[in-house]
mmCIF file of all heavy atoms, coordinates in Angstrom:
data_MODEL
# 
_entry.id   MODEL 
# 
loop_
_atom_site.group_PDB 
_atom_site.id 
_atom_site.type_symbol 
_atom_site.label_atom_id 
_atom_site.label_alt_id 
_atom_site.label_comp_id 
_atom_site.label_asym_id 
_atom_site.label_entity_id 
_atom_site.label_seq_id 
_atom_site.pdbx_PDB_ins_code 
_atom_site.Cartn_x 
_atom_site.Cartn_y 
_atom_site.Cartn_z 
_atom_site.occupancy 
_atom_site.B_iso_or_equiv 
_atom_site.pdbx_formal_charge 
_atom_site.auth_seq_id 
_atom_site.auth_comp_id 
_atom_site.auth_asym_id 
_atom_site.auth_atom_id 
_atom_site.pdbx_PDB_model_num 
ATOM 1   N N   . TYR A 1 1  ? -4.350  5.622   5.721  1.00 0.00 ? 1  TYR A N   1 
ATOM 2   C CA  . TYR A 1 1  ? -4.952  5.220   7.038  1.00 0.00 ? 1  TYR A CA  1 
ATOM 3   C C   . TYR A 1 1  ? -6.357  5.689   7.225  1.00 0.00 ? 1  TYR A C   1 
ATOM 4   O O   . TYR A 1 1  ? -7.252  5.085   7.705  1.00 0.00 ? 1  TYR A O   1 
ATOM 5   C CB  . TYR A 1 1  ? -4.043  5.676   8.178  1.00 0.00 ? 1  TYR A CB  1 
ATOM 6   C CG  . TYR A 1 1  ? -4.500  5.523   9.543  1.00 0.00 ? 1  TYR A CG  1 
ATOM 7   C CD1 . TYR A 1 1  ? -4.310  4.314   10.224 1.00 0.00 ? 1  TYR A CD1 1 
ATOM 8   C CD2 . TYR A 1 1  ? -5.250  6.485   10.210 1.00 0.00 ? 1  TYR A CD2 1 
ATOM 9   C CE1 . TYR A 1 1  ? -4.716  4.112   11.530 1.00 0.00 ? 1  TYR A CE1 1 
ATOM 10  C CE2 . TYR A 1 1  ? -5.726  6.216   11.515 1.00 0.00 ? 1  TYR A CE2 1 
ATOM 11  C CZ  . TYR A 1 1  ? -5.508  5.042   12.123 1.00 0.00 ? 1  TYR A CZ  1 
ATOM 12  O OH  . TYR A 1 1  ? -5.926  4.772   13.271 1.00 0.00 ? 1  TYR A OH  1 
ATOM 13  N N   . ARG A 1 2  ? -6.531  7.021   6.706  1.00 0.00 ? 2  ARG A N   1 
ATOM 14  C CA  . ARG A 1 2  ? -7.845  7.741   6.886  1.00 0.00 ? 2  ARG A CA  1 
ATOM 15  C C   . ARG A 1 2  ? -8.757  7.281   5.712  1.00 0.00 ? 2  ARG A C   1 
ATOM 16  O O   . ARG A 1 2  ? -9.894  7.941   5.612  1.00 0.00 ? 2  ARG A O   1 
ATOM 17  C CB  . ARG A 1 2  ? -7.627  9.247   7.055  1.00 0.00 ? 2  ARG A CB  1 
ATOM 18  C CG  . ARG A 1 2  ? -7.140  9.529   8.313  1.00 0.00 ? 2  ARG A CG  1 
ATOM 19  C CD  . ARG A 1 2  ? -7.016  11.057  8.505  1.00 0.00 ? 2  ARG A CD  1 
ATOM 20  N NE  . ARG A 1 2  ? -6.543  11.386  9.807  1.00 0.00 ? 2  ARG A NE  1 
ATOM 21  C CZ  . ARG A 1 2  ? -5.297  11.366  10.201 1.00 0.00 ? 2  ARG A CZ  1 
ATOM 22  N NH1 . ARG A 1 2  ? -4.169  11.101  9.290  1.00 0.00 ? 2  ARG A NH1 1 
ATOM 23  N NH2 . ARG A 1 2  ? -4.811  11.731  11.422 1.00 0.00 ? 2  ARG A NH2 1 
ATOM 24  N N   . GLU A 1 3  ? -8.250  6.604   4.643  1.00 0.00 ? 3  GLU A N   1 
ATOM 25  C CA  . GLU A 1 3  ? -9.062  6.268   3.483  1.00 0.00 ? 3  GLU A CA  1 
ATOM 26  C C   . GLU A 1 3  ? -9.542  7.440   2.676  1.00 0.00 ? 3  GLU A C   1 
ATOM 27  O O   . GLU A 1 3  ? -10.571 7.380   2.094  1.00 0.00 ? 3  GLU A O   1 
ATOM 28  C CB  . GLU A 1 3  ? -10.226 5.226   3.771  1.00 0.00 ? 3  GLU A CB  1 
ATOM 29  C CG  . GLU A 1 3  ? -9.752  3.934   4.380  1.00 0.00 ? 3  GLU A CG  1 
ATOM 30  C CD  . GLU A 1 3  ? -10.765 2.951   4.580  1.00 0.00 ? 3  GLU A CD  1 
ATOM 31  O OE1 . GLU A 1 3  ? -11.302 2.624   3.415  1.00 0.00 ? 3  GLU A OE1 1 
ATOM 32  O OE2 . GLU A 1 3  ? -11.184 2.646   5.693  1.00 0.00 ? 3  GLU A OE2 1 
ATOM 33  N N   . THR A 1 4  ? -8.554  8.453   2.619  1.00 0.00 ? 4  THR A N   1 
ATOM 34  C CA  . THR A 1 4  ? -8.903  9.619   1.788  1.00 0.00 ? 4  THR A CA  1 
ATOM 35  C C   . THR A 1 4  ? -7.954  9.787   0.669  1.00 0.00 ? 4  THR A C   1 
ATOM 36  O O   . THR A 1 4  ? -8.131  10.805  -0.161 1.00 0.00 ? 4  THR A O   1 
ATOM 37  C CB  . THR A 1 4  ? -8.870  10.919  2.691  1.00 0.00 ? 4  THR A CB  1 
ATOM 38  O OG1 . THR A 1 4  ? -7.573  10.999  3.352  1.00 0.00 ? 4  THR A OG1 1 
ATOM 39  C CG2 . THR A 1 4  ? -9.958  10.931  3.814  1.00 0.00 ? 4  THR A CG2 1 
ATOM 40  N N   . ALA A 1 5  ? -7.079  8.841   0.359  1.00 0.00 ? 5  ALA A N   1 
ATOM 41  C CA  . ALA A 1 5  ? -6.208  8.861   -0.755 1.00 0.00 ? 5  ALA A CA  1 
ATOM 42  C C   . ALA A 1 5  ? -7.068  8.815   -1.956 1.00 0.00 ? 5  ALA A C   1 
ATOM 43  O O   . ALA A 1 5  ? -7.994  7.937   -2.162 1.00 0.00 ? 5  ALA A O   1 
ATOM 44  C CB  . ALA A 1 5  ? -5.095  7.655   -0.610 1.00 0.00 ? 5  ALA A CB  1 
ATOM 45  N N   . VAL A 1 6  ? -6.599  9.468   -3.021 1.00 0.00 ? 6  VAL A N   1 
ATOM 46  C CA  . VAL A 1 6  ? -7.162  9.412   -4.318 1.00 0.00 ? 6  VAL A CA  1 
ATOM 47  C C   . VAL A 1 6  ? -6.635  8.455   -5.381 1.00 0.00 ? 6  VAL A C   1 
ATOM 48  O O   . VAL A 1 6  ? -7.142  7.825   -6.144 1.00 0.00 ? 6  VAL A O   1 
ATOM 49  C CB  . VAL A 1 6  ? -7.209  10.712  -4.984 1.00 0.00 ? 6  VAL A CB  1 
ATOM 50  C CG1 . VAL A 1 6  ? -7.937  10.736  -6.291 1.00 0.00 ? 6  VAL A CG1 1 
ATOM 51  C CG2 . VAL A 1 6  ? -8.053  11.724  -4.073 1.00 0.00 ? 6  VAL A CG2 1 
ATOM 52  N N   . ARG A 1 7  ? -5.162  8.289   -5.103 1.00 0.00 ? 7  ARG A N   1 
ATOM 53  C CA  . ARG A 1 7  ? -4.500  7.342   -5.965 1.00 0.00 ? 7  ARG A CA  1 
ATOM 54  C C   . ARG A 1 7  ? -3.262  6.758   -5.081 1.00 0.00 ? 7  ARG A C   1 
ATOM 55  O O   . ARG A 1 7  ? -2.908  7.404   -4.084 1.00 0.00 ? 7  ARG A O   1 
ATOM 56  C CB  . ARG A 1 7  ? -3.957  7.991   -7.162 1.00 0.00 ? 7  ARG A CB  1 
ATOM 57  C CG  . ARG A 1 7  ? -2.958  9.041   -7.008 1.00 0.00 ? 7  ARG A CG  1 
ATOM 58  C CD  . ARG A 1 7  ? -2.591  9.834   -8.242 1.00 0.00 ? 7  ARG A CD  1 
ATOM 59  N NE  . ARG A 1 7  ? -3.682  10.328  -9.039 1.00 0.00 ? 7  ARG A NE  1 
ATOM 60  C CZ  . ARG A 1 7  ? -4.220  11.420  -8.755 1.00 0.00 ? 7  ARG A CZ  1 
ATOM 61  N NH1 . ARG A 1 7  ? -3.895  12.157  -7.759 1.00 0.00 ? 7  ARG A NH1 1 
ATOM 62  N NH2 . ARG A 1 7  ? -5.295  11.883  -9.445 1.00 0.00 ? 7  ARG A NH2 1 
ATOM 63  N N   . VAL A 1 8  ? -2.799  5.590   -5.445 1.00 0.00 ? 8  VAL A N   1 
ATOM 64  C CA  . VAL A 1 8  ? -1.770  4.951   -4.685 1.00 0.00 ? 8  VAL A CA  1 
ATOM 65  C C   . VAL A 1 8  ? -0.728  4.504   -5.727 1.00 0.00 ? 8  VAL A C   1 
ATOM 66  O O   . VAL A 1 8  ? -1.064  3.814   -6.718 1.00 0.00 ? 8  VAL A O   1 
ATOM 67  C CB  . VAL A 1 8  ? -2.244  3.672   -4.041 1.00 0.00 ? 8  VAL A CB  1 
ATOM 68  C CG1 . VAL A 1 8  ? -1.147  3.061   -3.201 1.00 0.00 ? 8  VAL A CG1 1 
ATOM 69  C CG2 . VAL A 1 8  ? -3.386  4.086   -3.056 1.00 0.00 ? 8  VAL A CG2 1 
ATOM 70  N N   . ASP A 1 9  ? 0.499   4.765   -5.498 1.00 0.00 ? 9  ASP A N   1 
ATOM 71  C CA  . ASP A 1 9  ? 1.734   4.375   -6.479 1.00 0.00 ? 9  ASP A CA  1 
ATOM 72  C C   . ASP A 1 9  ? 2.020   2.930   -6.120 1.00 0.00 ? 9  ASP A C   1 
ATOM 73  O O   . ASP A 1 9  ? 1.801   2.436   -5.135 1.00 0.00 ? 9  ASP A O   1 
ATOM 74  C CB  . ASP A 1 9  ? 2.909   5.311   -6.045 1.00 0.00 ? 9  ASP A CB  1 
ATOM 75  C CG  . ASP A 1 9  ? 2.798   6.782   -6.512 1.00 0.00 ? 9  ASP A CG  1 
ATOM 76  O OD1 . ASP A 1 9  ? 1.961   6.991   -7.453 1.00 0.00 ? 9  ASP A OD1 1 
ATOM 77  O OD2 . ASP A 1 9  ? 3.361   7.619   -5.929 1.00 0.00 ? 9  ASP A OD2 1 
ATOM 78  N N   . MET A 1 10 ? 2.466   2.307   -7.232 1.00 0.00 ? 10 MET A N   1 
ATOM 79  C CA  . MET A 1 10 ? 2.925   1.027   -7.223 1.00 0.00 ? 10 MET A CA  1 
ATOM 80  C C   . MET A 1 10 ? 4.091   0.770   -6.006 1.00 0.00 ? 10 MET A C   1 
ATOM 81  O O   . MET A 1 10 ? 4.051   -0.164  -5.293 1.00 0.00 ? 10 MET A O   1 
ATOM 82  C CB  . MET A 1 10 ? 3.421   0.520   -8.493 1.00 0.00 ? 10 MET A CB  1 
ATOM 83  C CG  . MET A 1 10 ? 2.347   0.484   -9.488 1.00 0.00 ? 10 MET A CG  1 
ATOM 84  S SD  . MET A 1 10 ? 1.128   -0.791  -9.312 1.00 0.00 ? 10 MET A SD  1 
ATOM 85  C CE  . MET A 1 10 ? 2.109   -2.193  -9.988 1.00 0.00 ? 10 MET A CE  1 
ATOM 86  N N   . ASP A 1 11 ? 5.007   1.892   -6.049 1.00 0.00 ? 11 ASP A N   1 
ATOM 87  C CA  . ASP A 1 11 ? 5.947   1.783   -4.999 1.00 0.00 ? 11 ASP A CA  1 
ATOM 88  C C   . ASP A 1 11 ? 5.374   1.818   -3.643 1.00 0.00 ? 11 ASP A C   1 
ATOM 89  O O   . ASP A 1 11 ? 5.929   1.107   -2.758 1.00 0.00 ? 11 ASP A O   1 
ATOM 90  C CB  . ASP A 1 11 ? 7.046   2.938   -5.303 1.00 0.00 ? 11 ASP A CB  1 
ATOM 91  C CG  . ASP A 1 11 ? 8.058   2.899   -4.276 1.00 0.00 ? 11 ASP A CG  1 
ATOM 92  O OD1 . ASP A 1 11 ? 8.847   2.022   -4.267 1.00 0.00 ? 11 ASP A OD1 1 
ATOM 93  O OD2 . ASP A 1 11 ? 8.192   3.947   -3.433 1.00 0.00 ? 11 ASP A OD2 1 
ATOM 94  N N   . THR A 1 12 ? 4.373   2.579   -3.352 1.00 0.00 ? 12 THR A N   1 
ATOM 95  C CA  . THR A 1 12 ? 3.668   2.612   -2.033 1.00 0.00 ? 12 THR A CA  1 
ATOM 96  C C   . THR A 1 12 ? 3.134   1.230   -1.764 1.00 0.00 ? 12 THR A C   1 
ATOM 97  O O   . THR A 1 12 ? 3.335   0.781   -0.607 1.00 0.00 ? 12 THR A O   1 
ATOM 98  C CB  . THR A 1 12 ? 2.680   3.669   -2.086 1.00 0.00 ? 12 THR A CB  1 
ATOM 99  O OG1 . THR A 1 12 ? 3.262   5.033   -2.304 1.00 0.00 ? 12 THR A OG1 1 
ATOM 100 C CG2 . THR A 1 12 ? 1.985   3.729   -0.702 1.00 0.00 ? 12 THR A CG2 1 
ATOM 101 N N   . MET A 1 13 ? 2.506   0.661   -2.585 1.00 0.00 ? 13 MET A N   1 
ATOM 102 C CA  . MET A 1 13 ? 1.886   -0.695  -2.370 1.00 0.00 ? 13 MET A CA  1 
ATOM 103 C C   . MET A 1 13 ? 2.985   -1.611  -2.130 1.00 0.00 ? 13 MET A C   1 
ATOM 104 O O   . MET A 1 13 ? 2.932   -2.596  -1.286 1.00 0.00 ? 13 MET A O   1 
ATOM 105 C CB  . MET A 1 13 ? 1.076   -1.169  -3.532 1.00 0.00 ? 13 MET A CB  1 
ATOM 106 C CG  . MET A 1 13 ? -0.247  -0.426  -3.588 1.00 0.00 ? 13 MET A CG  1 
ATOM 107 S SD  . MET A 1 13 ? -1.306  -1.060  -4.992 1.00 0.00 ? 13 MET A SD  1 
ATOM 108 C CE  . MET A 1 13 ? -0.656  -0.519  -6.409 1.00 0.00 ? 13 MET A CE  1 
ATOM 109 N N   . ASP A 1 14 ? 4.138   -1.609  -2.942 1.00 0.00 ? 14 ASP A N   1 
ATOM 110 C CA  . ASP A 1 14 ? 5.231   -2.542  -2.611 1.00 0.00 ? 14 ASP A CA  1 
ATOM 111 C C   . ASP A 1 14 ? 5.834   -2.388  -1.338 1.00 0.00 ? 14 ASP A C   1 
ATOM 112 O O   . ASP A 1 14 ? 6.141   -3.414  -0.631 1.00 0.00 ? 14 ASP A O   1 
ATOM 113 C CB  . ASP A 1 14 ? 6.330   -2.285  -3.753 1.00 0.00 ? 14 ASP A CB  1 
ATOM 114 C CG  . ASP A 1 14 ? 7.548   -3.178  -3.656 1.00 0.00 ? 14 ASP A CG  1 
ATOM 115 O OD1 . ASP A 1 14 ? 7.263   -4.443  -3.688 1.00 0.00 ? 14 ASP A OD1 1 
ATOM 116 O OD2 . ASP A 1 14 ? 8.580   -2.706  -3.493 1.00 0.00 ? 14 ASP A OD2 1 
ATOM 117 N N   . ARG A 1 15 ? 6.109   -1.181  -0.820 1.00 0.00 ? 15 ARG A N   1 
ATOM 118 C CA  . ARG A 1 15 ? 6.660   -0.896  0.485  1.00 0.00 ? 15 ARG A CA  1 
ATOM 119 C C   . ARG A 1 15 ? 5.671   -1.500  1.542  1.00 0.00 ? 15 ARG A C   1 
ATOM 120 O O   . ARG A 1 15 ? 6.177   -1.961  2.555  1.00 0.00 ? 15 ARG A O   1 
ATOM 121 C CB  . ARG A 1 15 ? 6.936   0.563   0.579  1.00 0.00 ? 15 ARG A CB  1 
ATOM 122 C CG  . ARG A 1 15 ? 8.160   1.088   -0.197 1.00 0.00 ? 15 ARG A CG  1 
ATOM 123 C CD  . ARG A 1 15 ? 8.270   2.560   -0.169 1.00 0.00 ? 15 ARG A CD  1 
ATOM 124 N NE  . ARG A 1 15 ? 9.242   3.080   -1.024 1.00 0.00 ? 15 ARG A NE  1 
ATOM 125 C CZ  . ARG A 1 15 ? 10.239  3.854   -0.643 1.00 0.00 ? 15 ARG A CZ  1 
ATOM 126 N NH1 . ARG A 1 15 ? 10.358  4.172   0.647  1.00 0.00 ? 15 ARG A NH1 1 
ATOM 127 N NH2 . ARG A 1 15 ? 11.165  4.255   -1.600 1.00 0.00 ? 15 ARG A NH2 1 
ATOM 128 N N   . LEU A 1 16 ? 4.463   -1.211  1.466  1.00 0.00 ? 16 LEU A N   1 
ATOM 129 C CA  . LEU A 1 16 ? 3.534   -1.700  2.456  1.00 0.00 ? 16 LEU A CA  1 
ATOM 130 C C   . LEU A 1 16 ? 3.406   -3.240  2.511  1.00 0.00 ? 16 LEU A C   1 
ATOM 131 O O   . LEU A 1 16 ? 3.482   -3.790  3.600  1.00 0.00 ? 16 LEU A O   1 
ATOM 132 C CB  . LEU A 1 16 ? 2.168   -1.022  2.248  1.00 0.00 ? 16 LEU A CB  1 
ATOM 133 C CG  . LEU A 1 16 ? 1.961   0.474   2.431  1.00 0.00 ? 16 LEU A CG  1 
ATOM 134 C CD1 . LEU A 1 16 ? 0.601   0.970   2.154  1.00 0.00 ? 16 LEU A CD1 1 
ATOM 135 C CD2 . LEU A 1 16 ? 2.323   0.858   4.016  1.00 0.00 ? 16 LEU A CD2 1 
ATOM 136 N N   . CYS A 1 17 ? 3.374   -3.801  1.398  1.00 0.00 ? 17 CYS A N   1 
ATOM 137 C CA  . CYS A 1 17 ? 3.320   -5.220  1.320  1.00 0.00 ? 17 CYS A CA  1 
ATOM 138 C C   . CYS A 1 17 ? 4.675   -5.849  1.851  1.00 0.00 ? 17 CYS A C   1 
ATOM 139 O O   . CYS A 1 17 ? 4.587   -6.816  2.733  1.00 0.00 ? 17 CYS A O   1 
ATOM 140 C CB  . CYS A 1 17 ? 3.265   -5.757  -0.107 1.00 0.00 ? 17 CYS A CB  1 
ATOM 141 S SG  . CYS A 1 17 ? 1.589   -5.521  -0.805 1.00 0.00 ? 17 CYS A SG  1 
ATOM 142 N N   . LYS A 1 18 ? 5.774   -5.217  1.700  1.00 0.00 ? 18 LYS A N   1 
ATOM 143 C CA  . LYS A 1 18 ? 7.015   -5.833  2.328  1.00 0.00 ? 18 LYS A CA  1 
ATOM 144 C C   . LYS A 1 18 ? 7.051   -5.532  3.782  1.00 0.00 ? 18 LYS A C   1 
ATOM 145 O O   . LYS A 1 18 ? 7.349   -6.419  4.729  1.00 0.00 ? 18 LYS A O   1 
ATOM 146 C CB  . LYS A 1 18 ? 8.230   -5.026  1.646  1.00 0.00 ? 18 LYS A CB  1 
ATOM 147 C CG  . LYS A 1 18 ? 8.537   -5.504  0.332  1.00 0.00 ? 18 LYS A CG  1 
ATOM 148 C CD  . LYS A 1 18 ? 9.748   -4.752  -0.261 1.00 0.00 ? 18 LYS A CD  1 
ATOM 149 C CE  . LYS A 1 18 ? 9.959   -5.277  -1.673 1.00 0.00 ? 18 LYS A CE  1 
ATOM 150 N NZ  . LYS A 1 18 ? 11.102  -4.419  -2.403 1.00 0.00 ? 18 LYS A NZ  1 
ATOM 151 N N   . LEU A 1 19 ? 6.534   -4.336  4.165  1.00 0.00 ? 19 LEU A N   1 
ATOM 152 C CA  . LEU A 1 19 ? 6.514   -4.120  5.680  1.00 0.00 ? 19 LEU A CA  1 
ATOM 153 C C   . LEU A 1 19 ? 5.651   -5.022  6.513  1.00 0.00 ? 19 LEU A C   1 
ATOM 154 O O   . LEU A 1 19 ? 5.975   -5.452  7.499  1.00 0.00 ? 19 LEU A O   1 
ATOM 155 C CB  . LEU A 1 19 ? 6.102   -2.638  5.862  1.00 0.00 ? 19 LEU A CB  1 
ATOM 156 C CG  . LEU A 1 19 ? 5.849   -2.090  7.318  1.00 0.00 ? 19 LEU A CG  1 
ATOM 157 C CD1 . LEU A 1 19 ? 7.295   -2.209  8.021  1.00 0.00 ? 19 LEU A CD1 1 
ATOM 158 C CD2 . LEU A 1 19 ? 5.238   -0.734  7.441  1.00 0.00 ? 19 LEU A CD2 1 
ATOM 159 N N   . PHE A 1 20 ? 4.475   -5.319  5.926  1.00 0.00 ? 20 PHE A N   1 
ATOM 160 C CA  . PHE A 1 20 ? 3.482   -6.123  6.549  1.00 0.00 ? 20 PHE A CA  1 
ATOM 161 C C   . PHE A 1 20 ? 3.590   -7.607  6.190  1.00 0.00 ? 20 PHE A C   1 
ATOM 162 O O   . PHE A 1 20 ? 2.756   -8.384  6.662  1.00 0.00 ? 20 PHE A O   1 
ATOM 163 C CB  . PHE A 1 20 ? 2.060   -5.630  6.372  1.00 0.00 ? 20 PHE A CB  1 
ATOM 164 C CG  . PHE A 1 20 ? 1.853   -4.274  7.114  1.00 0.00 ? 20 PHE A CG  1 
ATOM 165 C CD1 . PHE A 1 20 ? 1.673   -3.004  6.377  1.00 0.00 ? 20 PHE A CD1 1 
ATOM 166 C CD2 . PHE A 1 20 ? 1.671   -4.259  8.437  1.00 0.00 ? 20 PHE A CD2 1 
ATOM 167 C CE1 . PHE A 1 20 ? 1.452   -1.835  7.070  1.00 0.00 ? 20 PHE A CE1 1 
ATOM 168 C CE2 . PHE A 1 20 ? 1.527   -2.999  9.126  1.00 0.00 ? 20 PHE A CE2 1 
ATOM 169 C CZ  . PHE A 1 20 ? 1.431   -1.859  8.466  1.00 0.00 ? 20 PHE A CZ  1 
ATOM 170 N N   . LYS A 1 21 ? 4.421   -7.872  5.328  1.00 0.00 ? 21 LYS A N   1 
ATOM 171 C CA  . LYS A 1 21 ? 4.678   -9.198  4.721  1.00 0.00 ? 21 LYS A CA  1 
ATOM 172 C C   . LYS A 1 21 ? 3.363   -9.913  4.286  1.00 0.00 ? 21 LYS A C   1 
ATOM 173 O O   . LYS A 1 21 ? 2.839   -10.883 4.827  1.00 0.00 ? 21 LYS A O   1 
ATOM 174 C CB  . LYS A 1 21 ? 5.216   -10.125 5.831  1.00 0.00 ? 21 LYS A CB  1 
ATOM 175 C CG  . LYS A 1 21 ? 6.654   -9.735  6.156  1.00 0.00 ? 21 LYS A CG  1 
ATOM 176 C CD  . LYS A 1 21 ? 7.238   -10.600 7.286  1.00 0.00 ? 21 LYS A CD  1 
ATOM 177 C CE  . LYS A 1 21 ? 8.797   -10.190 7.685  1.00 0.00 ? 21 LYS A CE  1 
ATOM 178 N NZ  . LYS A 1 21 ? 8.905   -8.882  8.206  1.00 0.00 ? 21 LYS A NZ  1 
ATOM 179 N N   . CYS A 1 22 ? 2.648   -9.091  3.400  1.00 0.00 ? 22 CYS A N   1 
ATOM 180 C CA  . CYS A 1 22 ? 1.317   -9.507  2.905  1.00 0.00 ? 22 CYS A CA  1 
ATOM 181 C C   . CYS A 1 22 ? 1.275   -9.158  1.480  1.00 0.00 ? 22 CYS A C   1 
ATOM 182 O O   . CYS A 1 22 ? 2.142   -8.724  0.750  1.00 0.00 ? 22 CYS A O   1 
ATOM 183 C CB  . CYS A 1 22 ? 0.283   -8.788  3.795  1.00 0.00 ? 22 CYS A CB  1 
ATOM 184 S SG  . CYS A 1 22 ? 0.285   -6.930  3.414  1.00 0.00 ? 22 CYS A SG  1 
ATOM 185 N N   . GLY A 1 23 ? 0.088   -9.514  0.849  1.00 0.00 ? 23 GLY A N   1 
ATOM 186 C CA  . GLY A 1 23 ? -0.275  -9.077  -0.499 1.00 0.00 ? 23 GLY A CA  1 
ATOM 187 C C   . GLY A 1 23 ? -1.026  -8.016  -0.699 1.00 0.00 ? 23 GLY A C   1 
ATOM 188 O O   . GLY A 1 23 ? -1.607  -7.390  0.274  1.00 0.00 ? 23 GLY A O   1 
ATOM 189 N N   . VAL A 1 24 ? -1.139  -7.497  -1.912 1.00 0.00 ? 24 VAL A N   1 
ATOM 190 C CA  . VAL A 1 24 ? -1.893  -6.272  -2.172 1.00 0.00 ? 24 VAL A CA  1 
ATOM 191 C C   . VAL A 1 24 ? -3.384  -6.517  -1.699 1.00 0.00 ? 24 VAL A C   1 
ATOM 192 O O   . VAL A 1 24 ? -3.964  -5.622  -1.175 1.00 0.00 ? 24 VAL A O   1 
ATOM 193 C CB  . VAL A 1 24 ? -1.921  -5.925  -3.692 1.00 0.00 ? 24 VAL A CB  1 
ATOM 194 C CG1 . VAL A 1 24 ? -2.762  -4.758  -4.032 1.00 0.00 ? 24 VAL A CG1 1 
ATOM 195 C CG2 . VAL A 1 24 ? -0.511  -5.551  -3.995 1.00 0.00 ? 24 VAL A CG2 1 
ATOM 196 N N   . GLY A 1 25 ? -3.906  -7.742  -1.935 1.00 0.00 ? 25 GLY A N   1 
ATOM 197 C CA  . GLY A 1 25 ? -5.338  -8.029  -1.530 1.00 0.00 ? 25 GLY A CA  1 
ATOM 198 C C   . GLY A 1 25 ? -5.557  -7.937  -0.080 1.00 0.00 ? 25 GLY A C   1 
ATOM 199 O O   . GLY A 1 25 ? -6.653  -7.867  0.396  1.00 0.00 ? 25 GLY A O   1 
# 
């Protein structure tokens, strides 16, 4: 949210995409 993450796990991206019903892009 604060754009301070240094890396993002694939599982995290998967969960966010499912929650917001969107793509990684």
